[in-house]
Amino acid sequence: MRYFLTLSYRGTRYAGWQVQPNAPSVQATLEAALSTILRCKIEITGCGRTDAGVHARYYVAHFDSEAILPPTFLNGLNSLLPNDIAVHEIRPVSPEAHARFDAYERSYEYVVSLRKDPFSTETAWHYPLYKRLDFDKMQEVAALLTNYSAFFPFCKTDSGLEHYACEMKTAFWQQRPEQHQWIFHITANRFLRGMVRLIVGACVQVGRGQLHVEDVKKALDEQKPLKKSLSVPPEGLFLTDVKYPF
């Protein structure tokens, strides 16, 4: 039987989703808990990688097991997991269903905190000089993205990808004055390595006058690196949604 599970996690103390040889990961922690409760070795396939320190409000993974899971399974599994990982649902799916390859849409948010907040130091990027940023210019950069289908300027070097194509659905900035935050929202069918953090970095650089909107447009037109590249810190990034056709 193949099972899909949905979970959320705070990525602060993990080296990302993917199993790492010498560092804790969300995948390894979850596999250990499942293997303990099911009394056999369990391997999990996730909907994608997240980098070290990046969070997920909504993440999907699958695993195979011959066991019929009892109604108490979810509570038992969560009791074995640390407080920064929570599984919300487990459901049986067809044996061909795949958490990664069947996902057709993914959404991220990046949170910028406009004031020092002791309760969001691990879940937002504090940017105290935000008054020097031109929010409208940052919005212009975001609006550019849906006009393109390839995003080489926003991929970490040495990623080893065959192509840089992404179907961009939405990209925009939102102001939340009551929470003293600016939120970047982005949705696409897939994302390149480090893509969202590099896009947010480009928006910030344009906002503070270190780049121009035309520089970003030229880099996308020519599919070449930006003359200045900024990858913002991981703590502000959240995977927020993954969609499937079933």
C-alpha atoms as a PDB file:
ATOM      1  CA  MET A   1       0.000   0.000   0.000  1.00  0.00           C
ATOM      2  CA  ARG A   2       1.238   3.491  -0.826  1.00  0.00           C
ATOM      3  CA  TYR A   3       0.415   6.320   1.550  1.00  0.00           C
ATOM      4  CA  PHE A   4       0.523  10.088   1.070  1.00  0.00           C
ATOM      5  CA  LEU A   5       1.192  12.161   4.143  1.00  0.00           C
ATOM      6  CA  THR A   6       0.976  15.914   4.587  1.00  0.00           C
ATOM      7  CA  LEU A   7       3.153  17.636   7.146  1.00  0.00           C
ATOM      8  CA  SER A   8       4.640  20.940   8.214  1.00  0.00           C
ATOM      9  CA  TYR A   9       8.002  21.693   9.725  1.00  0.00           C
ATOM     10  CA  ARG A  10      10.218  24.451  11.017  1.00  0.00           C
ATOM     11  CA  GLY A  11      13.482  23.973   9.167  1.00  0.00           C
ATOM     12  CA  THR A  12      15.734  25.961  11.500  1.00  0.00           C
ATOM     13  CA  ARG A  13      17.724  23.069  12.942  1.00  0.00           C
ATOM     14  CA  TYR A  14      17.704  20.874   9.841  1.00  0.00           C
ATOM     15  CA  ALA A  15      20.010  20.722   6.827  1.00  0.00           C
ATOM     16  CA  GLY A  16      16.934  20.778   4.598  1.00  0.00           C
ATOM     17  CA  TRP A  17      14.453  18.047   3.661  1.00  0.00           C
ATOM     18  CA  GLN A  18      16.921  15.689   1.957  1.00  0.00           C
ATOM     19  CA  VAL A  19      18.900  13.094   3.921  1.00  0.00           C
ATOM     20  CA  GLN A  20      22.445  14.336   4.601  1.00  0.00           C
ATOM     21  CA  PRO A  21      25.418  12.170   5.617  1.00  0.00           C
ATOM     22  CA  ASN A  22      26.548  14.280   8.575  1.00  0.00           C
ATOM     23  CA  ALA A  23      23.649  16.564   9.446  1.00  0.00           C
ATOM     24  CA  PRO A  24      20.037  16.167  10.620  1.00  0.00           C
ATOM     25  CA  SER A  25      17.320  16.370   7.965  1.00  0.00           C
ATOM     26  CA  VAL A  26      13.533  16.340   8.011  1.00  0.00           C
ATOM     27  CA  GLN A  27      13.438  13.255   5.774  1.00  0.00           C
ATOM     28  CA  ALA A  28      15.750  11.230   8.026  1.00  0.00           C
ATOM     29  CA  THR A  29      13.833  12.235  11.160  1.00  0.00           C
ATOM     30  CA  LEU A  30      10.518  11.224   9.629  1.00  0.00           C
ATOM     31  CA  GLU A  31      11.903   7.952   8.244  1.00  0.00           C
ATOM     32  CA  ALA A  32      13.245   7.043  11.688  1.00  0.00           C
ATOM     33  CA  ALA A  33       9.872   7.653  13.332  1.00  0.00           C
ATOM     34  CA  LEU A  34       7.965   5.667  10.682  1.00  0.00           C
ATOM     35  CA  SER A  35      10.468   2.801  10.838  1.00  0.00           C
ATOM     36  CA  THR A  36      10.073   2.669  14.614  1.00  0.00           C
ATOM     37  CA  ILE A  37       6.291   2.622  14.652  1.00  0.00           C
ATOM     38  CA  LEU A  38       5.970   0.197  11.702  1.00  0.00           C
ATOM     39  CA  ARG A  39       8.884  -1.979  12.893  1.00  0.00           C
ATOM     40  CA  CYS A  40      10.558  -2.128   9.497  1.00  0.00           C
ATOM     41  CA  LYS A  41      12.759   0.129   7.403  1.00  0.00           C
ATOM     42  CA  ILE A  42      10.711   2.854   5.716  1.00  0.00           C
ATOM     43  CA  GLU A  43      11.947   5.169   2.984  1.00  0.00           C
ATOM     44  CA  ILE A  44      10.070   8.351   2.119  1.00  0.00           C
ATOM     45  CA  THR A  45       9.862  10.299  -1.132  1.00  0.00           C
ATOM     46  CA  GLY A  46       9.165  14.008  -0.753  1.00  0.00           C
ATOM     47  CA  CYS A  47       7.529  16.487  -3.118  1.00  0.00           C
ATOM     48  CA  GLY A  48      10.860  18.302  -3.466  1.00  0.00           C
ATOM     49  CA  ARG A  49      13.914  19.572  -1.641  1.00  0.00           C
ATOM     50  CA  THR A  50      14.065  22.498   0.720  1.00  0.00           C
ATOM     51  CA  ASP A  51      17.380  24.081   1.683  1.00  0.00           C
ATOM     52  CA  ALA A  52      18.841  24.234   5.166  1.00  0.00           C
ATOM     53  CA  GLY A  53      16.829  26.540   7.396  1.00  0.00           C
ATOM     54  CA  VAL A  54      13.827  26.724   5.041  1.00  0.00           C
ATOM     55  CA  HIS A  55      10.373  25.904   6.420  1.00  0.00           C
ATOM     56  CA  ALA A  56       7.236  24.213   5.101  1.00  0.00           C
ATOM     57  CA  ARG A  57       3.689  25.040   6.130  1.00  0.00           C
ATOM     58  CA  TYR A  58       2.454  22.366   3.726  1.00  0.00           C
ATOM     59  CA  TYR A  59       4.626  19.510   2.489  1.00  0.00           C
ATOM     60  CA  VAL A  60       3.681  16.192   0.870  1.00  0.00           C
ATOM     61  CA  ALA A  61       5.567  12.895   0.872  1.00  0.00           C
ATOM     62  CA  HIS A  62       4.794   9.242   0.201  1.00  0.00           C
ATOM     63  CA  PHE A  63       5.933   5.889   1.546  1.00  0.00           C
ATOM     64  CA  ASP A  64       5.084   2.235   0.936  1.00  0.00           C
ATOM     65  CA  SER A  65       4.066  -0.244   3.600  1.00  0.00           C
ATOM     66  CA  GLU A  66       2.234  -3.552   3.765  1.00  0.00           C
ATOM     67  CA  ALA A  67       0.663  -2.503   7.057  1.00  0.00           C
ATOM     68  CA  ILE A  68      -2.940  -1.381   7.416  1.00  0.00           C
ATOM     69  CA  LEU A  69      -2.652   1.736   9.510  1.00  0.00           C
ATOM     70  CA  PRO A  70      -4.920   1.898  12.581  1.00  0.00           C
ATOM     71  CA  PRO A  71      -6.940   5.012  13.488  1.00  0.00           C
ATOM     72  CA  THR A  72      -4.406   5.817  16.225  1.00  0.00           C
ATOM     73  CA  PHE A  73      -1.448   5.793  13.815  1.00  0.00           C
ATOM     74  CA  LEU A  74      -1.290   9.552  13.272  1.00  0.00           C
ATOM     75  CA  ASN A  75      -1.182  10.335  16.988  1.00  0.00           C
ATOM     76  CA  GLY A  76       1.413   7.641  17.555  1.00  0.00           C
ATOM     77  CA  LEU A  77       3.625   8.961  14.773  1.00  0.00           C
ATOM     78  CA  ASN A  78       3.450  12.552  16.011  1.00  0.00           C
ATOM     79  CA  SER A  79       4.365  11.404  19.519  1.00  0.00           C
ATOM     80  CA  LEU A  80       7.672  10.114  18.103  1.00  0.00           C
ATOM     81  CA  LEU A  81       8.458  13.269  16.153  1.00  0.00           C
ATOM     82  CA  PRO A  82      10.113  16.393  17.598  1.00  0.00           C
ATOM     83  CA  ASN A  83       8.050  19.513  18.175  1.00  0.00           C
ATOM     84  CA  ASP A  84       9.261  21.170  14.963  1.00  0.00           C
ATOM     85  CA  ILE A  85       7.780  18.470  12.676  1.00  0.00           C
ATOM     86  CA  ALA A  86       4.056  17.665  12.571  1.00  0.00           C
ATOM     87  CA  VAL A  87       2.183  15.194  10.344  1.00  0.00           C
ATOM     88  CA  HIS A  88      -1.398  16.321   9.706  1.00  0.00           C
ATOM     89  CA  GLU A  89      -2.864  13.618   7.471  1.00  0.00           C
ATOM     90  CA  ILE A  90      -2.061  10.158   6.123  1.00  0.00           C
ATOM     91  CA  ARG A  91      -4.160   8.631   3.354  1.00  0.00           C
ATOM     92  CA  PRO A  92      -3.864   5.624   1.051  1.00  0.00           C
ATOM     93  CA  VAL A  93      -3.337   6.350  -2.647  1.00  0.00           C
ATOM     94  CA  SER A  94      -2.814   4.286  -5.772  1.00  0.00           C
ATOM     95  CA  PRO A  95       0.557   2.486  -6.066  1.00  0.00           C
ATOM     96  CA  GLU A  96       1.472   4.735  -9.020  1.00  0.00           C
ATOM     97  CA  ALA A  97       0.857   8.029  -7.188  1.00  0.00           C
ATOM     98  CA  HIS A  98       4.085   9.994  -6.696  1.00  0.00           C
ATOM     99  CA  ALA A  99       4.598  12.875  -4.279  1.00  0.00           C
ATOM    100  CA  ARG A 100       7.219  14.565  -6.462  1.00  0.00           C
ATOM    101  CA  PHE A 101       6.428  13.741 -10.091  1.00  0.00           C
ATOM    102  CA  ASP A 102       2.643  14.108  -9.858  1.00  0.00           C
ATOM    103  CA  ALA A 103       2.758  17.572  -8.273  1.00  0.00           C
ATOM    104  CA  TYR A 104       1.792  20.156 -10.894  1.00  0.00           C
ATOM    105  CA  GLU A 105       1.973  23.336  -8.821  1.00  0.00           C
ATOM    106  CA  ARG A 106       3.994  24.594  -5.859  1.00  0.00           C
ATOM    107  CA  SER A 107       3.721  27.834  -3.893  1.00  0.00           C
ATOM    108  CA  TYR A 108       6.185  29.656  -1.677  1.00  0.00           C
ATOM    109  CA  GLU A 109       6.127  32.726   0.532  1.00  0.00           C
ATOM    110  CA  TYR A 110       9.080  34.794   1.678  1.00  0.00           C
ATOM    111  CA  VAL A 111       8.569  36.870   4.823  1.00  0.00           C
ATOM    112  CA  VAL A 112      10.432  40.138   5.397  1.00  0.00           C
ATOM    113  CA  SER A 113      10.050  41.574   8.901  1.00  0.00           C
ATOM    114  CA  LEU A 114      10.102  45.364   9.056  1.00  0.00           C
ATOM    115  CA  ARG A 115      10.913  45.567  12.753  1.00  0.00           C
ATOM    116  CA  LYS A 116      12.905  43.521  15.211  1.00  0.00           C
ATOM    117  CA  ASP A 117      10.649  40.807  16.581  1.00  0.00           C
ATOM    118  CA  PRO A 118      11.946  38.229  19.079  1.00  0.00           C
ATOM    119  CA  PHE A 119       9.141  35.865  18.067  1.00  0.00           C
ATOM    120  CA  SER A 120      10.050  35.731  14.369  1.00  0.00           C
ATOM    121  CA  THR A 121      13.840  35.599  14.373  1.00  0.00           C
ATOM    122  CA  GLU A 122      13.738  32.067  12.930  1.00  0.00           C
ATOM    123  CA  THR A 123      10.762  32.551  10.596  1.00  0.00           C
ATOM    124  CA  ALA A 124      11.362  35.920   8.898  1.00  0.00           C
ATOM    125  CA  TRP A 125      14.226  38.005   7.550  1.00  0.00           C
ATOM    126  CA  HIS A 126      14.506  41.188   9.579  1.00  0.00           C
ATOM    127  CA  TYR A 127      15.339  44.084   7.249  1.00  0.00           C
ATOM    128  CA  PRO A 128      15.569  47.273   9.351  1.00  0.00           C
ATOM    129  CA  LEU A 129      16.419  49.516   6.380  1.00  0.00           C
ATOM    130  CA  TYR A 130      13.148  48.789   4.582  1.00  0.00           C
ATOM    131  CA  LYS A 131      12.297  52.512   4.367  1.00  0.00           C
ATOM    132  CA  ARG A 132      15.110  52.820   1.810  1.00  0.00           C
ATOM    133  CA  LEU A 133      13.403  50.262  -0.443  1.00  0.00           C
ATOM    134  CA  ASP A 134      11.160  51.301  -3.314  1.00  0.00           C
ATOM    135  CA  PHE A 135       8.260  48.875  -2.900  1.00  0.00           C
ATOM    136  CA  ASP A 136       6.768  49.731  -6.308  1.00  0.00           C
ATOM    137  CA  LYS A 137      10.050  48.847  -8.052  1.00  0.00           C
ATOM    138  CA  MET A 138      10.140  45.536  -6.212  1.00  0.00           C
ATOM    139  CA  GLN A 139       6.611  44.882  -7.425  1.00  0.00           C
ATOM    140  CA  GLU A 140       7.736  45.658 -10.981  1.00  0.00           C
ATOM    141  CA  VAL A 141      10.395  42.953 -10.768  1.00  0.00           C
ATOM    142  CA  ALA A 142       7.823  40.449  -9.528  1.00  0.00           C
ATOM    143  CA  ALA A 143       5.440  41.371 -12.352  1.00  0.00           C
ATOM    144  CA  LEU A 144       8.176  40.654 -14.924  1.00  0.00           C
ATOM    145  CA  LEU A 145       8.452  37.005 -13.968  1.00  0.00           C
ATOM    146  CA  THR A 146       5.180  35.746 -15.407  1.00  0.00           C
ATOM    147  CA  ASN A 147       6.321  36.924 -18.863  1.00  0.00           C
ATOM    148  CA  TYR A 148       9.111  34.337 -18.936  1.00  0.00           C
ATOM    149  CA  SER A 149       9.390  30.554 -19.131  1.00  0.00           C
ATOM    150  CA  ALA A 150      13.103  30.088 -18.307  1.00  0.00           C
ATOM    151  CA  PHE A 151      14.949  31.387 -15.239  1.00  0.00           C
ATOM    152  CA  PHE A 152      18.680  30.761 -15.530  1.00  0.00           C
ATOM    153  CA  PRO A 153      19.518  34.063 -13.717  1.00  0.00           C
ATOM    154  CA  PHE A 154      17.748  32.709 -10.627  1.00  0.00           C
ATOM    155  CA  CYS A 155      19.408  29.331 -10.228  1.00  0.00           C
ATOM    156  CA  LYS A 156      22.385  28.501  -8.038  1.00  0.00           C
ATOM    157  CA  THR A 157      25.533  27.760 -10.005  1.00  0.00           C
ATOM    158  CA  ASP A 158      26.631  24.153 -10.507  1.00  0.00           C
ATOM    159  CA  SER A 159      23.067  22.878 -10.155  1.00  0.00           C
ATOM    160  CA  GLY A 160      23.559  20.380 -12.981  1.00  0.00           C
ATOM    161  CA  LEU A 161      20.119  20.955 -14.495  1.00  0.00           C
ATOM    162  CA  GLU A 162      19.257  19.982 -18.060  1.00  0.00           C
ATOM    163  CA  HIS A 163      16.972  22.991 -18.455  1.00  0.00           C
ATOM    164  CA  TYR A 164      15.798  26.064 -16.560  1.00  0.00           C
ATOM    165  CA  ALA A 165      12.170  26.096 -17.691  1.00  0.00           C
ATOM    166  CA  CYS A 166       9.387  26.868 -15.208  1.00  0.00           C
ATOM    167  CA  GLU A 167       5.727  27.659 -15.793  1.00  0.00           C
ATOM    168  CA  MET A 168       5.306  30.767 -13.658  1.00  0.00           C
ATOM    169  CA  LYS A 169       1.721  31.255 -12.452  1.00  0.00           C
ATOM    170  CA  THR A 170       1.906  34.196 -10.030  1.00  0.00           C
ATOM    171  CA  ALA A 171       4.539  36.407  -8.398  1.00  0.00           C
ATOM    172  CA  PHE A 172       3.749  39.484  -6.316  1.00  0.00           C
ATOM    173  CA  TRP A 173       4.566  41.370  -3.131  1.00  0.00           C
ATOM    174  CA  GLN A 174       2.025  41.981  -0.375  1.00  0.00           C
ATOM    175  CA  GLN A 175       2.243  44.521   2.435  1.00  0.00           C
ATOM    176  CA  ARG A 176       0.936  43.512   5.858  1.00  0.00           C
ATOM    177  CA  PRO A 177       1.294  46.721   7.905  1.00  0.00           C
ATOM    178  CA  GLU A 178      -0.586  45.310  10.880  1.00  0.00           C
ATOM    179  CA  GLN A 179       2.066  42.577  11.169  1.00  0.00           C
ATOM    180  CA  HIS A 180       4.985  44.812  10.145  1.00  0.00           C
ATOM    181  CA  GLN A 181       5.787  42.484   7.262  1.00  0.00           C
ATOM    182  CA  TRP A 182       6.194  42.379   3.512  1.00  0.00           C
ATOM    183  CA  ILE A 183       5.413  38.993   1.951  1.00  0.00           C
ATOM    184  CA  PHE A 184       6.567  37.761  -1.445  1.00  0.00           C
ATOM    185  CA  HIS A 185       4.213  35.191  -3.001  1.00  0.00           C
ATOM    186  CA  ILE A 186       5.200  32.954  -5.908  1.00  0.00           C
ATOM    187  CA  THR A 187       3.606  29.942  -7.609  1.00  0.00           C
ATOM    188  CA  ALA A 188       4.979  27.761 -10.426  1.00  0.00           C
ATOM    189  CA  ASN A 189       4.971  24.189 -11.608  1.00  0.00           C
ATOM    190  CA  ARG A 190       8.578  23.747 -10.445  1.00  0.00           C
ATOM    191  CA  PHE A 191      11.411  25.750  -8.921  1.00  0.00           C
ATOM    192  CA  LEU A 192      15.139  25.761  -9.548  1.00  0.00           C
ATOM    193  CA  ARG A 193      17.695  25.390  -6.782  1.00  0.00           C
ATOM    194  CA  GLY A 194      17.766  28.563  -4.678  1.00  0.00           C
ATOM    195  CA  MET A 195      15.346  30.255  -7.083  1.00  0.00           C
ATOM    196  CA  VAL A 196      12.986  32.019  -4.683  1.00  0.00           C
ATOM    197  CA  ARG A 197      15.750  33.417  -2.472  1.00  0.00           C
ATOM    198  CA  LEU A 198      17.583  34.762  -5.536  1.00  0.00           C
ATOM    199  CA  ILE A 199      14.399  36.351  -6.908  1.00  0.00           C
ATOM    200  CA  VAL A 200      13.689  38.040  -3.567  1.00  0.00           C
ATOM    201  CA  GLY A 201      17.319  39.189  -3.516  1.00  0.00           C
ATOM    202  CA  ALA A 202      16.943  40.747  -6.961  1.00  0.00           C
ATOM    203  CA  CYS A 203      13.777  42.529  -5.841  1.00  0.00           C
ATOM    204  CA  VAL A 204      15.598  43.957  -2.816  1.00  0.00           C
ATOM    205  CA  GLN A 205      18.563  45.066  -4.917  1.00  0.00           C
ATOM    206  CA  VAL A 206      16.250  46.872  -7.329  1.00  0.00           C
ATOM    207  CA  GLY A 207      14.332  48.321  -4.392  1.00  0.00           C
ATOM    208  CA  ARG A 208      17.476  49.871  -2.946  1.00  0.00           C
ATOM    209  CA  GLY A 209      18.835  51.058  -6.307  1.00  0.00           C
ATOM    210  CA  GLN A 210      21.712  48.603  -6.697  1.00  0.00           C
ATOM    211  CA  LEU A 211      20.034  47.144  -9.788  1.00  0.00           C
ATOM    212  CA  HIS A 212      17.410  48.433 -12.185  1.00  0.00           C
ATOM    213  CA  VAL A 213      14.286  46.695 -13.435  1.00  0.00           C
ATOM    214  CA  GLU A 214      15.867  46.832 -16.905  1.00  0.00           C
ATOM    215  CA  ASP A 215      18.876  44.861 -15.597  1.00  0.00           C
ATOM    216  CA  VAL A 216      16.602  42.039 -14.471  1.00  0.00           C
ATOM    217  CA  LYS A 217      14.686  42.101 -17.747  1.00  0.00           C
ATOM    218  CA  LYS A 218      17.915  41.933 -19.760  1.00  0.00           C
ATOM    219  CA  ALA A 219      19.204  38.992 -17.705  1.00  0.00           C
ATOM    220  CA  LEU A 220      15.946  37.113 -18.292  1.00  0.00           C
ATOM    221  CA  ASP A 221      15.864  38.005 -21.996  1.00  0.00           C
ATOM    222  CA  GLU A 222      19.432  36.783 -22.501  1.00  0.00           C
ATOM    223  CA  GLN A 223      19.270  33.992 -19.879  1.00  0.00           C
ATOM    224  CA  LYS A 224      22.498  35.199 -18.315  1.00  0.00           C
ATOM    225  CA  PRO A 225      23.490  35.887 -14.681  1.00  0.00           C
ATOM    226  CA  LEU A 226      22.690  39.233 -13.088  1.00  0.00           C
ATOM    227  CA  LYS A 227      25.694  41.506 -12.676  1.00  0.00           C
ATOM    228  CA  LYS A 228      24.945  41.510  -8.935  1.00  0.00           C
ATOM    229  CA  SER A 229      23.367  38.501  -7.271  1.00  0.00           C
ATOM    230  CA  LEU A 230      21.906  38.306  -3.767  1.00  0.00           C
ATOM    231  CA  SER A 231      20.511  35.199  -2.102  1.00  0.00           C
ATOM    232  CA  VAL A 232      18.490  36.281   0.925  1.00  0.00           C
ATOM    233  CA  PRO A 233      18.669  34.273   4.188  1.00  0.00           C
ATOM    234  CA  PRO A 234      16.716  30.993   4.400  1.00  0.00           C
ATOM    235  CA  GLU A 235      14.707  31.724   7.542  1.00  0.00           C
ATOM    236  CA  GLY A 236      12.099  33.819   5.718  1.00  0.00           C
ATOM    237  CA  LEU A 237      11.187  31.130   3.155  1.00  0.00           C
ATOM    238  CA  PHE A 238       8.162  28.836   3.436  1.00  0.00           C
ATOM    239  CA  LEU A 239       6.745  26.190   1.129  1.00  0.00           C
ATOM    240  CA  THR A 240       3.014  26.848   1.498  1.00  0.00           C
ATOM    241  CA  ASP A 241       1.164  24.627  -0.977  1.00  0.00           C
ATOM    242  CA  VAL A 242       1.560  21.673  -3.345  1.00  0.00           C
ATOM    243  CA  LYS A 243      -1.212  20.675  -5.751  1.00  0.00           C
ATOM    244  CA  TYR A 244      -2.006  17.303  -7.357  1.00  0.00           C
ATOM    245  CA  PRO A 245      -4.499  16.229 -10.034  1.00  0.00           C
ATOM    246  CA  PHE A 246      -6.096  13.742  -7.638  1.00  0.00           C
END
